[in-house]
Amino acid sequence: MNIPKELRYSQEHEWVRVEGSTVRIGITHFAQSELGDIVFVELPEVGAQLTANEPFGSVESVKTVSELYAPISGKVVAVNEELNDNPEYVNESPYDKAWMIVIEPSDLSEVDNLLTAEQYEQMINED
């Protein structure tokens, strides 16, 4: 299972990469493997305000539709438009090509409340 050490994780299986004053968000390798083949990704518009632990979009697989939850609060400043035509990137490259959104956090310290790689790995191994 690929769980990059430099990222932080939500209990809903989103990953967070701090990049200066912004935060890049996607779903984890574990999440995409549980969902199966991703066929559609619905993401918010640039400018949307996100609230931590509230839905911001969804991913649809051949098995199910799952909501995406904002790991922290903030304003969407970029959306990965490539996922519109290439939803399979979520399965192929969840931490690189399949980033979903970039936000300007309302409070960057919210990242400290997220799980470390070790804590996330422990959580998924308990399921």
N, C-alpha and C. Protein backbone atom coordinates (compact mmCIF):
# COMPACT_ATOMS: atom_id res chain seq x y z
N MET A 1 0.86 -1.19 0.00
CA MET A 1 0.00 0.00 0.00
C MET A 1 0.90 1.24 0.00
N ASN A 2 0.65 2.14 -0.93
CA ASN A 2 1.45 3.35 -1.06
C ASN A 2 0.88 4.46 -0.17
N ILE A 3 1.65 4.83 0.88
CA ILE A 3 1.23 5.89 1.81
C ILE A 3 2.42 6.85 1.98
N PRO A 4 2.54 7.85 1.09
CA PRO A 4 3.69 8.76 1.19
C PRO A 4 3.81 9.40 2.58
N LYS A 5 5.02 9.37 3.13
CA LYS A 5 5.27 9.85 4.50
C LYS A 5 5.10 11.36 4.64
N GLU A 6 5.33 12.12 3.55
CA GLU A 6 5.30 13.59 3.65
C GLU A 6 3.88 14.18 3.63
N LEU A 7 2.89 13.34 3.37
CA LEU A 7 1.51 13.82 3.29
C LEU A 7 0.81 13.67 4.63
N ARG A 8 -0.33 14.36 4.77
CA ARG A 8 -1.23 14.16 5.91
C ARG A 8 -2.51 13.57 5.34
N TYR A 9 -3.31 12.91 6.21
CA TYR A 9 -4.46 12.15 5.75
C TYR A 9 -5.69 12.41 6.61
N SER A 10 -6.86 12.36 5.95
CA SER A 10 -8.12 12.48 6.70
C SER A 10 -8.65 11.08 6.97
N GLN A 11 -9.57 10.98 7.93
CA GLN A 11 -10.19 9.68 8.20
C GLN A 11 -11.11 9.25 7.07
N GLU A 12 -11.44 10.19 6.16
CA GLU A 12 -12.29 9.86 5.00
C GLU A 12 -11.44 9.52 3.78
N HIS A 13 -10.13 9.35 3.96
CA HIS A 13 -9.21 8.87 2.92
C HIS A 13 -8.81 9.92 1.88
N GLU A 14 -8.82 11.20 2.28
CA GLU A 14 -8.21 12.22 1.42
C GLU A 14 -6.78 12.45 1.90
N TRP A 15 -5.90 12.80 0.96
CA TRP A 15 -4.54 13.18 1.33
C TRP A 15 -4.37 14.69 1.15
N VAL A 16 -3.41 15.26 1.88
CA VAL A 16 -3.15 16.70 1.87
C VAL A 16 -1.65 16.91 1.73
N ARG A 17 -1.27 17.75 0.77
CA ARG A 17 0.14 18.13 0.61
C ARG A 17 0.23 19.64 0.76
N VAL A 18 0.93 20.11 1.78
CA VAL A 18 1.14 21.55 1.98
C VAL A 18 2.19 22.01 0.98
N GLU A 19 1.84 23.08 0.22
CA GLU A 19 2.73 23.64 -0.79
C GLU A 19 2.82 25.15 -0.56
N GLY A 20 3.63 25.54 0.43
CA GLY A 20 3.73 26.95 0.76
C GLY A 20 2.46 27.41 1.44
N SER A 21 1.76 28.37 0.82
CA SER A 21 0.53 28.90 1.42
C SER A 21 -0.73 28.20 0.91
N THR A 22 -0.57 27.20 0.05
CA THR A 22 -1.73 26.45 -0.45
C THR A 22 -1.61 24.98 -0.07
N VAL A 23 -2.71 24.25 -0.27
CA VAL A 23 -2.78 22.84 0.06
C VAL A 23 -3.40 22.10 -1.12
N ARG A 24 -2.71 21.05 -1.57
CA ARG A 24 -3.21 20.19 -2.66
C ARG A 24 -3.88 18.98 -2.03
N ILE A 25 -5.02 18.56 -2.59
CA ILE A 25 -5.84 17.50 -2.01
C ILE A 25 -6.21 16.47 -3.07
N GLY A 26 -6.21 15.20 -2.67
CA GLY A 26 -6.67 14.11 -3.53
C GLY A 26 -7.16 12.98 -2.66
N ILE A 27 -7.42 11.81 -3.28
CA ILE A 27 -7.80 10.64 -2.47
C ILE A 27 -6.64 9.65 -2.46
N THR A 28 -6.61 8.84 -1.42
CA THR A 28 -5.48 7.95 -1.20
C THR A 28 -5.51 6.72 -2.10
N HIS A 29 -4.35 6.07 -2.17
CA HIS A 29 -4.22 4.81 -2.89
C HIS A 29 -5.20 3.78 -2.32
N PHE A 30 -5.32 3.74 -1.00
CA PHE A 30 -6.26 2.81 -0.36
C PHE A 30 -7.68 3.08 -0.83
N ALA A 31 -8.08 4.37 -0.85
CA ALA A 31 -9.45 4.72 -1.24
C ALA A 31 -9.73 4.29 -2.68
N GLN A 32 -8.82 4.59 -3.60
CA GLN A 32 -9.09 4.23 -5.00
C GLN A 32 -9.11 2.72 -5.17
N SER A 33 -8.30 1.98 -4.40
CA SER A 33 -8.30 0.52 -4.53
C SER A 33 -9.61 -0.07 -4.00
N GLU A 34 -10.17 0.54 -2.96
CA GLU A 34 -11.46 0.08 -2.43
C GLU A 34 -12.60 0.38 -3.39
N LEU A 35 -12.52 1.53 -4.09
CA LEU A 35 -13.59 1.94 -4.99
C LEU A 35 -13.60 1.15 -6.28
N GLY A 36 -12.45 0.73 -6.76
CA GLY A 36 -12.36 0.06 -8.05
C GLY A 36 -12.17 1.09 -9.16
N ASP A 37 -12.51 0.73 -10.39
CA ASP A 37 -12.26 1.60 -11.54
C ASP A 37 -13.10 2.87 -11.47
N ILE A 38 -12.41 4.01 -11.41
CA ILE A 38 -13.07 5.31 -11.35
C ILE A 38 -13.51 5.71 -12.76
N VAL A 39 -14.79 6.09 -12.90
CA VAL A 39 -15.33 6.45 -14.21
C VAL A 39 -15.73 7.92 -14.31
N PHE A 40 -15.85 8.62 -13.16
CA PHE A 40 -16.26 10.03 -13.19
C PHE A 40 -15.84 10.70 -11.89
N VAL A 41 -15.38 11.95 -12.01
CA VAL A 41 -15.01 12.74 -10.84
C VAL A 41 -15.74 14.07 -10.92
N GLU A 42 -16.45 14.42 -9.84
CA GLU A 42 -17.15 15.71 -9.77
C GLU A 42 -16.44 16.57 -8.75
N LEU A 43 -15.97 17.74 -9.19
CA LEU A 43 -15.21 18.64 -8.32
C LEU A 43 -15.86 20.01 -8.27
N PRO A 44 -15.55 20.81 -7.24
CA PRO A 44 -16.13 22.15 -7.12
C PRO A 44 -15.51 23.13 -8.12
N GLU A 45 -16.12 24.30 -8.24
CA GLU A 45 -15.58 25.36 -9.09
C GLU A 45 -14.48 26.11 -8.34
N VAL A 46 -13.56 26.70 -9.10
CA VAL A 46 -12.59 27.60 -8.50
C VAL A 46 -13.36 28.74 -7.84
N GLY A 47 -12.96 29.11 -6.63
CA GLY A 47 -13.65 30.15 -5.88
C GLY A 47 -14.59 29.61 -4.82
N ALA A 48 -14.92 28.31 -4.91
CA ALA A 48 -15.83 27.71 -3.92
C ALA A 48 -15.17 27.73 -2.54
N GLN A 49 -15.99 27.95 -1.52
CA GLN A 49 -15.52 27.90 -0.12
C GLN A 49 -15.80 26.51 0.43
N LEU A 50 -14.79 25.88 0.99
CA LEU A 50 -14.95 24.55 1.57
C LEU A 50 -14.89 24.63 3.09
N THR A 51 -15.66 23.78 3.73
CA THR A 51 -15.65 23.68 5.18
C THR A 51 -15.13 22.30 5.55
N ALA A 52 -14.20 22.26 6.50
CA ALA A 52 -13.62 20.98 6.93
C ALA A 52 -14.71 19.98 7.26
N ASN A 53 -14.51 18.74 6.79
CA ASN A 53 -15.40 17.60 7.04
C ASN A 53 -16.73 17.68 6.31
N GLU A 54 -16.88 18.65 5.40
CA GLU A 54 -18.10 18.76 4.59
C GLU A 54 -17.80 18.26 3.17
N PRO A 55 -18.79 17.70 2.46
CA PRO A 55 -18.55 17.22 1.10
C PRO A 55 -18.16 18.36 0.15
N PHE A 56 -17.23 18.05 -0.78
CA PHE A 56 -16.87 19.04 -1.80
C PHE A 56 -16.98 18.49 -3.21
N GLY A 57 -17.29 17.22 -3.35
CA GLY A 57 -17.42 16.61 -4.67
C GLY A 57 -17.66 15.12 -4.51
N SER A 58 -17.48 14.38 -5.60
CA SER A 58 -17.67 12.94 -5.52
C SER A 58 -16.85 12.22 -6.58
N VAL A 59 -16.61 10.95 -6.33
CA VAL A 59 -16.01 10.08 -7.34
C VAL A 59 -16.97 8.93 -7.58
N GLU A 60 -17.11 8.59 -8.85
CA GLU A 60 -17.99 7.49 -9.23
C GLU A 60 -17.14 6.38 -9.80
N SER A 61 -17.34 5.19 -9.27
CA SER A 61 -16.64 4.02 -9.79
C SER A 61 -17.67 3.08 -10.39
N VAL A 62 -17.18 1.98 -10.94
CA VAL A 62 -18.11 1.00 -11.48
C VAL A 62 -18.95 0.37 -10.37
N LYS A 63 -18.47 0.47 -9.11
CA LYS A 63 -19.17 -0.12 -7.98
C LYS A 63 -20.12 0.83 -7.26
N THR A 64 -19.73 2.12 -7.12
CA THR A 64 -20.46 3.02 -6.23
C THR A 64 -20.12 4.47 -6.51
N VAL A 65 -20.84 5.37 -5.86
CA VAL A 65 -20.49 6.80 -5.85
C VAL A 65 -20.12 7.14 -4.42
N SER A 66 -18.98 7.80 -4.25
CA SER A 66 -18.51 8.18 -2.92
C SER A 66 -18.28 9.68 -2.86
N GLU A 67 -18.74 10.29 -1.77
CA GLU A 67 -18.50 11.71 -1.59
C GLU A 67 -17.06 11.95 -1.17
N LEU A 68 -16.57 13.13 -1.57
CA LEU A 68 -15.25 13.60 -1.15
C LEU A 68 -15.47 14.61 -0.04
N TYR A 69 -14.66 14.54 1.01
CA TYR A 69 -14.82 15.45 2.15
C TYR A 69 -13.59 16.34 2.28
N ALA A 70 -13.84 17.62 2.51
CA ALA A 70 -12.74 18.58 2.68
C ALA A 70 -11.99 18.25 3.97
N PRO A 71 -10.68 17.99 3.87
CA PRO A 71 -9.92 17.71 5.09
C PRO A 71 -9.70 18.96 5.94
N ILE A 72 -9.68 20.12 5.29
CA ILE A 72 -9.56 21.40 5.99
C ILE A 72 -10.43 22.44 5.27
N SER A 73 -10.66 23.57 5.93
CA SER A 73 -11.48 24.64 5.34
C SER A 73 -10.62 25.55 4.47
N GLY A 74 -11.24 26.14 3.45
CA GLY A 74 -10.53 27.09 2.61
C GLY A 74 -11.24 27.35 1.31
N LYS A 75 -10.56 28.15 0.46
CA LYS A 75 -11.12 28.55 -0.83
C LYS A 75 -10.40 27.80 -1.95
N VAL A 76 -11.17 27.22 -2.88
CA VAL A 76 -10.60 26.49 -4.01
C VAL A 76 -9.93 27.48 -4.96
N VAL A 77 -8.64 27.27 -5.24
CA VAL A 77 -7.90 28.14 -6.16
C VAL A 77 -7.50 27.43 -7.45
N ALA A 78 -7.61 26.08 -7.46
CA ALA A 78 -7.33 25.31 -8.69
C ALA A 78 -8.07 23.99 -8.62
N VAL A 79 -8.49 23.53 -9.80
CA VAL A 79 -9.19 22.25 -9.94
C VAL A 79 -8.49 21.47 -11.04
N ASN A 80 -8.28 20.19 -10.85
CA ASN A 80 -7.62 19.36 -11.85
C ASN A 80 -8.61 18.99 -12.95
N GLU A 81 -8.67 19.85 -13.98
CA GLU A 81 -9.61 19.65 -15.10
C GLU A 81 -9.31 18.38 -15.90
N GLU A 82 -8.07 17.89 -15.84
CA GLU A 82 -7.71 16.68 -16.59
C GLU A 82 -8.53 15.48 -16.15
N LEU A 83 -9.04 15.50 -14.91
CA LEU A 83 -9.82 14.36 -14.43
C LEU A 83 -11.18 14.26 -15.12
N ASN A 84 -11.64 15.37 -15.75
CA ASN A 84 -12.90 15.30 -16.51
C ASN A 84 -12.80 14.29 -17.63
N ASP A 85 -11.67 14.31 -18.36
CA ASP A 85 -11.47 13.41 -19.50
C ASP A 85 -10.70 12.15 -19.12
N ASN A 86 -10.02 12.17 -17.98
CA ASN A 86 -9.17 11.05 -17.60
C ASN A 86 -9.40 10.62 -16.14
N PRO A 87 -10.62 10.22 -15.78
CA PRO A 87 -10.88 9.83 -14.39
C PRO A 87 -10.02 8.65 -13.95
N GLU A 88 -9.51 7.87 -14.91
CA GLU A 88 -8.69 6.71 -14.57
C GLU A 88 -7.37 7.11 -13.91
N TYR A 89 -6.98 8.38 -14.03
CA TYR A 89 -5.77 8.85 -13.33
C TYR A 89 -5.87 8.58 -11.82
N VAL A 90 -7.09 8.62 -11.29
CA VAL A 90 -7.27 8.39 -9.85
C VAL A 90 -6.78 6.99 -9.49
N ASN A 91 -7.01 6.02 -10.35
CA ASN A 91 -6.53 4.66 -10.11
C ASN A 91 -5.04 4.52 -10.41
N GLU A 92 -4.59 5.19 -11.47
CA GLU A 92 -3.21 5.03 -11.93
C GLU A 92 -2.20 5.81 -11.10
N SER A 93 -2.58 7.00 -10.64
CA SER A 93 -1.61 7.89 -10.02
C SER A 93 -2.28 8.79 -8.98
N PRO A 94 -2.79 8.20 -7.88
CA PRO A 94 -3.60 8.98 -6.94
C PRO A 94 -2.86 10.15 -6.28
N TYR A 95 -1.52 10.07 -6.18
CA TYR A 95 -0.78 11.13 -5.49
C TYR A 95 -0.13 12.15 -6.44
N ASP A 96 -0.15 11.87 -7.74
CA ASP A 96 0.51 12.78 -8.67
C ASP A 96 -0.48 13.33 -9.71
N LYS A 97 -0.74 12.57 -10.75
CA LYS A 97 -1.63 13.06 -11.81
C LYS A 97 -3.05 13.30 -11.34
N ALA A 98 -3.48 12.59 -10.29
CA ALA A 98 -4.89 12.64 -9.88
C ALA A 98 -5.14 13.55 -8.68
N TRP A 99 -4.27 14.56 -8.45
CA TRP A 99 -4.65 15.54 -7.42
C TRP A 99 -5.99 16.12 -7.86
N MET A 100 -6.80 16.54 -6.93
CA MET A 100 -8.15 16.99 -7.28
C MET A 100 -8.33 18.49 -7.20
N ILE A 101 -7.95 19.08 -6.07
CA ILE A 101 -8.10 20.53 -5.91
C ILE A 101 -6.91 21.10 -5.16
N VAL A 102 -6.74 22.41 -5.31
CA VAL A 102 -5.78 23.16 -4.49
C VAL A 102 -6.60 24.23 -3.78
N ILE A 103 -6.39 24.37 -2.48
CA ILE A 103 -7.12 25.40 -1.73
C ILE A 103 -6.15 26.32 -1.00
N GLU A 104 -6.65 27.54 -0.76
CA GLU A 104 -6.01 28.47 0.16
C GLU A 104 -6.68 28.23 1.50
N PRO A 105 -5.96 27.66 2.46
CA PRO A 105 -6.60 27.32 3.73
C PRO A 105 -7.04 28.56 4.51
N SER A 106 -8.18 28.44 5.18
CA SER A 106 -8.62 29.48 6.09
C SER A 106 -7.67 29.54 7.28
N ASP A 107 -7.21 28.36 7.70
CA ASP A 107 -6.32 28.25 8.86
C ASP A 107 -5.41 27.05 8.61
N LEU A 108 -4.17 27.32 8.20
CA LEU A 108 -3.25 26.24 7.84
C LEU A 108 -2.98 25.29 9.00
N SER A 109 -3.16 25.74 10.23
CA SER A 109 -2.90 24.87 11.38
C SER A 109 -3.89 23.70 11.44
N GLU A 110 -5.01 23.76 10.68
CA GLU A 110 -5.94 22.63 10.64
C GLU A 110 -5.25 21.36 10.14
N VAL A 111 -4.19 21.53 9.34
CA VAL A 111 -3.44 20.38 8.83
C VAL A 111 -2.88 19.55 9.98
N ASP A 112 -2.53 20.21 11.08
CA ASP A 112 -1.97 19.50 12.23
C ASP A 112 -2.96 18.53 12.85
N ASN A 113 -4.26 18.70 12.59
CA ASN A 113 -5.28 17.80 13.12
C ASN A 113 -5.44 16.53 12.29
N LEU A 114 -4.80 16.49 11.12
CA LEU A 114 -4.92 15.33 10.23
C LEU A 114 -3.95 14.23 10.65
N LEU A 115 -4.18 13.04 10.13
CA LEU A 115 -3.35 11.89 10.48
C LEU A 115 -2.01 11.94 9.77
N THR A 116 -0.97 11.46 10.47
CA THR A 116 0.32 11.25 9.82
C THR A 116 0.21 9.97 8.99
N ALA A 117 1.21 9.70 8.17
CA ALA A 117 1.22 8.47 7.36
C ALA A 117 1.12 7.24 8.26
N GLU A 118 1.86 7.26 9.37
CA GLU A 118 1.84 6.12 10.28
C GLU A 118 0.45 5.93 10.90
N GLN A 119 -0.17 7.03 11.32
CA GLN A 119 -1.52 6.94 11.92
C GLN A 119 -2.55 6.47 10.89
N TYR A 120 -2.42 6.96 9.64
CA TYR A 120 -3.34 6.55 8.58
C TYR A 120 -3.19 5.06 8.28
N GLU A 121 -1.94 4.61 8.19
CA GLU A 121 -1.70 3.19 7.92
C GLU A 121 -2.29 2.32 9.03
N GLN A 122 -2.13 2.75 10.27
CA GLN A 122 -2.70 2.01 11.40
C GLN A 122 -4.23 1.97 11.30
N MET A 123 -4.83 3.11 10.91
CA MET A 123 -6.29 3.17 10.79
C MET A 123 -6.81 2.20 9.73
N ILE A 124 -6.18 2.17 8.55
CA ILE A 124 -6.70 1.30 7.49
C ILE A 124 -6.42 -0.17 7.78
N ASN A 125 -5.37 -0.44 8.55
CA ASN A 125 -5.08 -1.82 8.91
C ASN A 125 -6.03 -2.36 9.97
N GLU A 126 -6.68 -1.45 10.71
CA GLU A 126 -7.65 -1.88 11.72
C GLU A 126 -9.00 -2.21 11.11
N ASP A 127 -9.28 -1.66 9.91
CA ASP A 127 -10.59 -1.90 9.26
C ASP A 127 -10.76 -3.34 8.82
